[in-house]
Amino acid sequence: MAAKTWSTPNWPEGVSHDVSDYAKPLFSVLDESARAYPNLVYTIFNDATRTYAQVKDTADRVANFLASRGIQKGDRVAIFLPTCPIIRPYFSASSKPVPCASPATPCTPPTNSITS
């Protein structure tokens, strides 16, 4: 597989431009981080903190809810939440049973929305 690179003028120093090694699904990154750093703060938003373990717990509960409603691999899920840290566990959860998740925030232009 050819290396894919992302290059922007504001790319963080020391961070590789090669993204071809990221073959893991999104949820596995959160699962591994929650296992390694359960009490480490994942987000700080409006003076509230959430740890990796708390975010993973929310993601797992949302994934179980989606599966209980018959959502399966290949189905599409739209996530309509503001673009803020609260969207992270929901986006991660939707990638567990549903690999095609689209964040649909109020700021999402119609051309970026999934309509099928």
N, C-alpha and C. Protein backbone atom coordinates (compact mmCIF):
# COMPACT_ATOMS: atom_id res chain seq x y z
N MET A 1 0.84 -1.18 0.00
CA MET A 1 0.00 0.00 0.00
C MET A 1 0.88 1.23 0.00
N ALA A 2 0.56 2.16 -0.86
CA ALA A 2 1.33 3.40 -0.93
C ALA A 2 1.07 4.24 0.31
N ALA A 3 2.11 4.91 0.76
CA ALA A 3 1.98 5.75 1.94
C ALA A 3 1.08 6.93 1.64
N LYS A 4 0.19 7.23 2.57
CA LYS A 4 -0.67 8.40 2.47
C LYS A 4 -0.10 9.46 3.39
N THR A 5 -0.03 10.66 2.92
CA THR A 5 0.49 11.72 3.78
C THR A 5 -0.51 12.86 3.87
N TRP A 6 -0.57 13.45 5.04
CA TRP A 6 -1.37 14.64 5.26
C TRP A 6 -0.40 15.75 5.60
N SER A 7 -0.45 16.80 4.89
CA SER A 7 0.47 17.89 5.14
C SER A 7 -0.31 19.20 5.21
N THR A 8 -0.13 19.89 6.28
CA THR A 8 -0.74 21.21 6.42
C THR A 8 0.31 22.15 6.99
N PRO A 9 0.11 23.44 6.83
CA PRO A 9 1.09 24.37 7.38
C PRO A 9 1.18 24.32 8.91
N ASN A 10 0.14 23.84 9.57
CA ASN A 10 0.12 23.81 11.03
C ASN A 10 0.34 22.41 11.59
N TRP A 11 0.95 21.53 10.80
CA TRP A 11 1.16 20.16 11.25
C TRP A 11 2.06 20.17 12.48
N PRO A 12 1.71 19.45 13.56
CA PRO A 12 2.53 19.46 14.78
C PRO A 12 3.93 18.91 14.54
N GLU A 13 4.91 19.59 15.10
CA GLU A 13 6.30 19.17 14.96
C GLU A 13 6.49 17.82 15.65
N GLY A 14 7.18 16.91 14.99
CA GLY A 14 7.46 15.60 15.57
C GLY A 14 6.40 14.55 15.29
N VAL A 15 5.27 14.93 14.68
CA VAL A 15 4.21 13.99 14.36
C VAL A 15 4.37 13.56 12.91
N SER A 16 4.41 12.25 12.69
CA SER A 16 4.64 11.71 11.36
C SER A 16 3.53 12.13 10.39
N HIS A 17 3.92 12.42 9.17
CA HIS A 17 2.96 12.72 8.11
C HIS A 17 2.40 11.45 7.48
N ASP A 18 3.00 10.31 7.77
CA ASP A 18 2.59 9.04 7.20
C ASP A 18 1.43 8.47 8.03
N VAL A 19 0.28 8.33 7.43
CA VAL A 19 -0.89 7.80 8.13
C VAL A 19 -1.27 6.40 7.63
N SER A 20 -0.39 5.76 6.88
CA SER A 20 -0.73 4.46 6.30
C SER A 20 -0.70 3.33 7.33
N ASP A 21 -0.10 3.54 8.50
CA ASP A 21 -0.03 2.49 9.51
C ASP A 21 -1.26 2.43 10.40
N TYR A 22 -2.24 3.29 10.18
CA TYR A 22 -3.41 3.34 11.04
C TYR A 22 -4.54 2.50 10.45
N ALA A 23 -4.36 1.19 10.52
CA ALA A 23 -5.35 0.28 9.98
C ALA A 23 -6.34 -0.17 11.05
N LYS A 24 -6.18 0.31 12.28
CA LYS A 24 -7.06 -0.08 13.37
C LYS A 24 -8.39 0.67 13.26
N PRO A 25 -9.47 0.03 13.67
CA PRO A 25 -10.74 0.76 13.73
C PRO A 25 -10.69 1.78 14.86
N LEU A 26 -11.45 2.84 14.73
CA LEU A 26 -11.46 3.93 15.70
C LEU A 26 -11.70 3.44 17.12
N PHE A 27 -12.68 2.55 17.30
CA PHE A 27 -13.03 2.14 18.65
C PHE A 27 -11.88 1.42 19.35
N SER A 28 -11.01 0.73 18.59
CA SER A 28 -9.92 -0.01 19.23
C SER A 28 -8.89 0.94 19.84
N VAL A 29 -8.74 2.12 19.27
CA VAL A 29 -7.81 3.10 19.82
C VAL A 29 -8.31 3.55 21.19
N LEU A 30 -9.61 3.83 21.30
CA LEU A 30 -10.19 4.22 22.59
C LEU A 30 -10.11 3.05 23.58
N ASP A 31 -10.44 1.84 23.14
CA ASP A 31 -10.39 0.67 24.02
C ASP A 31 -8.98 0.47 24.60
N GLU A 32 -7.97 0.55 23.73
CA GLU A 32 -6.59 0.36 24.18
C GLU A 32 -6.16 1.47 25.14
N SER A 33 -6.54 2.69 24.83
CA SER A 33 -6.16 3.82 25.70
C SER A 33 -6.86 3.72 27.05
N ALA A 34 -8.12 3.31 27.07
CA ALA A 34 -8.85 3.17 28.33
C ALA A 34 -8.26 2.04 29.17
N ARG A 35 -7.77 1.01 28.51
CA ARG A 35 -7.15 -0.11 29.23
C ARG A 35 -5.80 0.34 29.83
N ALA A 36 -5.03 1.11 29.06
CA ALA A 36 -3.70 1.53 29.50
C ALA A 36 -3.75 2.71 30.47
N TYR A 37 -4.70 3.63 30.27
CA TYR A 37 -4.76 4.85 31.07
C TYR A 37 -6.18 5.12 31.55
N PRO A 38 -6.79 4.23 32.33
CA PRO A 38 -8.20 4.39 32.68
C PRO A 38 -8.53 5.67 33.43
N ASN A 39 -7.63 6.16 34.25
CA ASN A 39 -7.91 7.34 35.07
C ASN A 39 -7.34 8.63 34.50
N LEU A 40 -6.72 8.55 33.34
CA LEU A 40 -6.17 9.75 32.70
C LEU A 40 -7.31 10.56 32.11
N VAL A 41 -7.24 11.88 32.25
CA VAL A 41 -8.29 12.75 31.74
C VAL A 41 -8.27 12.71 30.21
N TYR A 42 -9.43 12.44 29.63
CA TYR A 42 -9.61 12.38 28.17
C TYR A 42 -10.10 13.72 27.64
N THR A 43 -11.06 14.32 28.34
CA THR A 43 -11.57 15.62 27.90
C THR A 43 -11.80 16.54 29.10
N ILE A 44 -11.66 17.81 28.84
CA ILE A 44 -12.05 18.86 29.78
C ILE A 44 -12.94 19.79 28.98
N PHE A 45 -14.18 19.94 29.44
CA PHE A 45 -15.12 20.79 28.71
C PHE A 45 -16.06 21.43 29.72
N ASN A 46 -16.16 22.74 29.70
CA ASN A 46 -17.00 23.48 30.65
C ASN A 46 -16.71 23.08 32.09
N ASP A 47 -15.44 23.00 32.43
CA ASP A 47 -14.98 22.67 33.79
C ASP A 47 -15.33 21.24 34.22
N ALA A 48 -15.78 20.40 33.32
CA ALA A 48 -16.06 18.99 33.64
C ALA A 48 -15.00 18.13 32.96
N THR A 49 -14.48 17.17 33.70
CA THR A 49 -13.49 16.25 33.12
C THR A 49 -14.09 14.87 32.98
N ARG A 50 -13.63 14.15 31.96
CA ARG A 50 -14.02 12.76 31.76
C ARG A 50 -12.76 11.97 31.48
N THR A 51 -12.64 10.80 32.10
CA THR A 51 -11.47 9.96 31.92
C THR A 51 -11.67 9.04 30.71
N TYR A 52 -10.57 8.40 30.32
CA TYR A 52 -10.66 7.43 29.23
C TYR A 52 -11.65 6.32 29.58
N ALA A 53 -11.63 5.85 30.83
CA ALA A 53 -12.55 4.78 31.23
C ALA A 53 -14.01 5.24 31.14
N GLN A 54 -14.29 6.47 31.53
CA GLN A 54 -15.66 6.99 31.46
C GLN A 54 -16.13 7.13 30.02
N VAL A 55 -15.26 7.61 29.15
CA VAL A 55 -15.63 7.78 27.74
C VAL A 55 -15.84 6.42 27.10
N LYS A 56 -14.97 5.44 27.42
CA LYS A 56 -15.15 4.09 26.88
C LYS A 56 -16.45 3.48 27.37
N ASP A 57 -16.78 3.68 28.64
CA ASP A 57 -18.03 3.15 29.18
C ASP A 57 -19.23 3.73 28.43
N THR A 58 -19.21 5.02 28.19
CA THR A 58 -20.30 5.65 27.43
C THR A 58 -20.36 5.09 26.02
N ALA A 59 -19.20 4.96 25.38
CA ALA A 59 -19.15 4.41 24.01
C ALA A 59 -19.70 2.99 23.97
N ASP A 60 -19.33 2.17 24.94
CA ASP A 60 -19.82 0.79 24.98
C ASP A 60 -21.34 0.74 25.18
N ARG A 61 -21.85 1.60 26.05
CA ARG A 61 -23.29 1.61 26.31
C ARG A 61 -24.06 2.08 25.07
N VAL A 62 -23.53 3.07 24.36
CA VAL A 62 -24.20 3.53 23.14
C VAL A 62 -24.12 2.45 22.06
N ALA A 63 -22.97 1.77 21.95
CA ALA A 63 -22.83 0.70 20.96
C ALA A 63 -23.82 -0.43 21.25
N ASN A 64 -23.99 -0.78 22.52
CA ASN A 64 -24.96 -1.82 22.88
C ASN A 64 -26.38 -1.37 22.56
N PHE A 65 -26.67 -0.09 22.77
CA PHE A 65 -28.00 0.43 22.42
C PHE A 65 -28.24 0.31 20.92
N LEU A 66 -27.25 0.72 20.12
CA LEU A 66 -27.41 0.64 18.66
C LEU A 66 -27.62 -0.81 18.22
N ALA A 67 -26.83 -1.72 18.78
CA ALA A 67 -26.97 -3.14 18.42
C ALA A 67 -28.35 -3.67 18.85
N SER A 68 -28.86 -3.21 20.00
CA SER A 68 -30.17 -3.68 20.46
C SER A 68 -31.30 -3.19 19.57
N ARG A 69 -31.03 -2.14 18.80
CA ARG A 69 -32.03 -1.60 17.87
C ARG A 69 -31.87 -2.17 16.46
N GLY A 70 -30.99 -3.17 16.32
CA GLY A 70 -30.83 -3.83 15.04
C GLY A 70 -29.81 -3.20 14.11
N ILE A 71 -29.06 -2.22 14.59
CA ILE A 71 -28.02 -1.60 13.76
C ILE A 71 -26.91 -2.63 13.58
N GLN A 72 -26.52 -2.86 12.32
CA GLN A 72 -25.51 -3.87 12.01
C GLN A 72 -24.41 -3.27 11.18
N LYS A 73 -23.34 -4.02 11.03
CA LYS A 73 -22.22 -3.61 10.19
C LYS A 73 -22.75 -3.29 8.79
N GLY A 74 -22.35 -2.14 8.28
CA GLY A 74 -22.80 -1.71 6.96
C GLY A 74 -23.93 -0.70 7.00
N ASP A 75 -24.65 -0.64 8.13
CA ASP A 75 -25.70 0.37 8.27
C ASP A 75 -25.06 1.74 8.48
N ARG A 76 -25.80 2.78 8.17
CA ARG A 76 -25.30 4.14 8.36
C ARG A 76 -26.00 4.79 9.54
N VAL A 77 -25.22 5.54 10.29
CA VAL A 77 -25.73 6.24 11.45
C VAL A 77 -25.30 7.70 11.36
N ALA A 78 -26.25 8.60 11.53
CA ALA A 78 -25.93 10.04 11.57
C ALA A 78 -25.89 10.46 13.03
N ILE A 79 -24.87 11.21 13.37
CA ILE A 79 -24.71 11.69 14.74
C ILE A 79 -24.96 13.19 14.71
N PHE A 80 -26.07 13.62 15.29
CA PHE A 80 -26.44 15.03 15.27
C PHE A 80 -26.20 15.63 16.65
N LEU A 81 -24.99 16.08 16.86
CA LEU A 81 -24.58 16.70 18.12
C LEU A 81 -23.67 17.88 17.80
N PRO A 82 -23.57 18.82 18.71
CA PRO A 82 -22.63 19.93 18.49
C PRO A 82 -21.20 19.40 18.41
N THR A 83 -20.36 20.13 17.71
CA THR A 83 -18.95 19.75 17.62
C THR A 83 -18.26 20.17 18.91
N CYS A 84 -18.26 19.28 19.87
CA CYS A 84 -17.61 19.50 21.15
C CYS A 84 -17.23 18.13 21.70
N PRO A 85 -16.52 18.06 22.81
CA PRO A 85 -16.04 16.76 23.29
C PRO A 85 -17.13 15.72 23.54
N ILE A 86 -18.37 16.12 23.72
CA ILE A 86 -19.42 15.14 23.98
C ILE A 86 -19.64 14.20 22.79
N ILE A 87 -19.24 14.60 21.60
CA ILE A 87 -19.46 13.77 20.41
C ILE A 87 -18.51 12.56 20.37
N ARG A 88 -17.37 12.63 21.04
CA ARG A 88 -16.36 11.57 20.94
C ARG A 88 -16.87 10.17 21.29
N PRO A 89 -17.48 9.94 22.46
CA PRO A 89 -17.91 8.57 22.73
C PRO A 89 -18.98 8.07 21.77
N TYR A 90 -19.83 8.98 21.28
CA TYR A 90 -20.89 8.57 20.36
C TYR A 90 -20.31 8.20 19.00
N PHE A 91 -19.32 8.95 18.55
CA PHE A 91 -18.68 8.62 17.28
C PHE A 91 -17.92 7.31 17.39
N SER A 92 -17.22 7.12 18.50
CA SER A 92 -16.50 5.86 18.71
C SER A 92 -17.47 4.69 18.81
N ALA A 93 -18.57 4.89 19.52
CA ALA A 93 -19.57 3.82 19.67
C ALA A 93 -20.16 3.41 18.34
N SER A 94 -20.41 4.38 17.50
CA SER A 94 -21.04 4.06 16.23
C SER A 94 -20.11 3.29 15.30
N SER A 95 -18.81 3.36 15.56
CA SER A 95 -17.88 2.60 14.71
C SER A 95 -17.76 1.15 15.15
N LYS A 96 -18.32 0.80 16.32
CA LYS A 96 -18.25 -0.61 16.75
C LYS A 96 -19.16 -1.49 15.90
N PRO A 97 -20.48 -1.33 15.97
CA PRO A 97 -21.30 -2.18 15.10
C PRO A 97 -21.47 -1.58 13.71
N VAL A 98 -21.16 -0.30 13.56
CA VAL A 98 -21.45 0.41 12.31
C VAL A 98 -20.20 1.14 11.84
N PRO A 99 -19.50 0.61 10.85
CA PRO A 99 -18.27 1.27 10.43
C PRO A 99 -18.49 2.56 9.65
N CYS A 100 -19.71 2.86 9.24
CA CYS A 100 -19.96 4.07 8.47
C CYS A 100 -20.76 5.05 9.30
N ALA A 101 -20.06 5.90 10.04
CA ALA A 101 -20.72 6.90 10.88
C ALA A 101 -20.41 8.28 10.32
N SER A 102 -21.39 9.15 10.35
CA SER A 102 -21.20 10.49 9.83
C SER A 102 -21.63 11.50 10.88
N PRO A 103 -20.69 12.32 11.38
CA PRO A 103 -21.12 13.36 12.31
C PRO A 103 -21.92 14.41 11.53
N ALA A 104 -23.11 14.68 11.96
CA ALA A 104 -23.97 15.66 11.30
C ALA A 104 -24.27 16.77 12.29
N THR A 105 -23.35 17.68 12.43
CA THR A 105 -23.51 18.77 13.37
C THR A 105 -24.31 19.89 12.72
N PRO A 106 -24.82 20.82 13.50
CA PRO A 106 -25.56 21.94 12.91
C PRO A 106 -24.73 22.73 11.89
N CYS A 107 -23.41 22.62 11.98
CA CYS A 107 -22.53 23.35 11.06
C CYS A 107 -22.17 22.53 9.82
N THR A 108 -22.62 21.29 9.73
CA THR A 108 -22.29 20.44 8.59
C THR A 108 -23.01 20.93 7.34
N PRO A 109 -22.26 21.28 6.29
CA PRO A 109 -22.92 21.69 5.06
C PRO A 109 -23.68 20.52 4.44
N PRO A 110 -24.80 20.75 3.76
CA PRO A 110 -25.56 19.67 3.15
C PRO A 110 -24.75 18.78 2.23
N THR A 111 -23.71 19.32 1.59
CA THR A 111 -22.92 18.51 0.67
C THR A 111 -22.07 17.48 1.40
N ASN A 112 -21.88 17.60 2.73
CA ASN A 112 -21.09 16.64 3.49
C ASN A 112 -21.96 15.62 4.19
N SER A 113 -23.26 15.72 4.08
CA SER A 113 -24.16 14.80 4.77
C SER A 113 -24.39 13.54 3.94
N ILE A 114 -24.65 12.44 4.63
CA ILE A 114 -24.96 11.19 3.95
C ILE A 114 -26.44 11.20 3.63
N THR A 115 -26.76 11.12 2.36
CA THR A 115 -28.16 11.09 1.96
C THR A 115 -28.35 9.95 0.97
N SER A 116 -28.80 8.83 1.47
CA SER A 116 -29.05 7.71 0.54
C SER A 116 -30.26 6.94 0.98
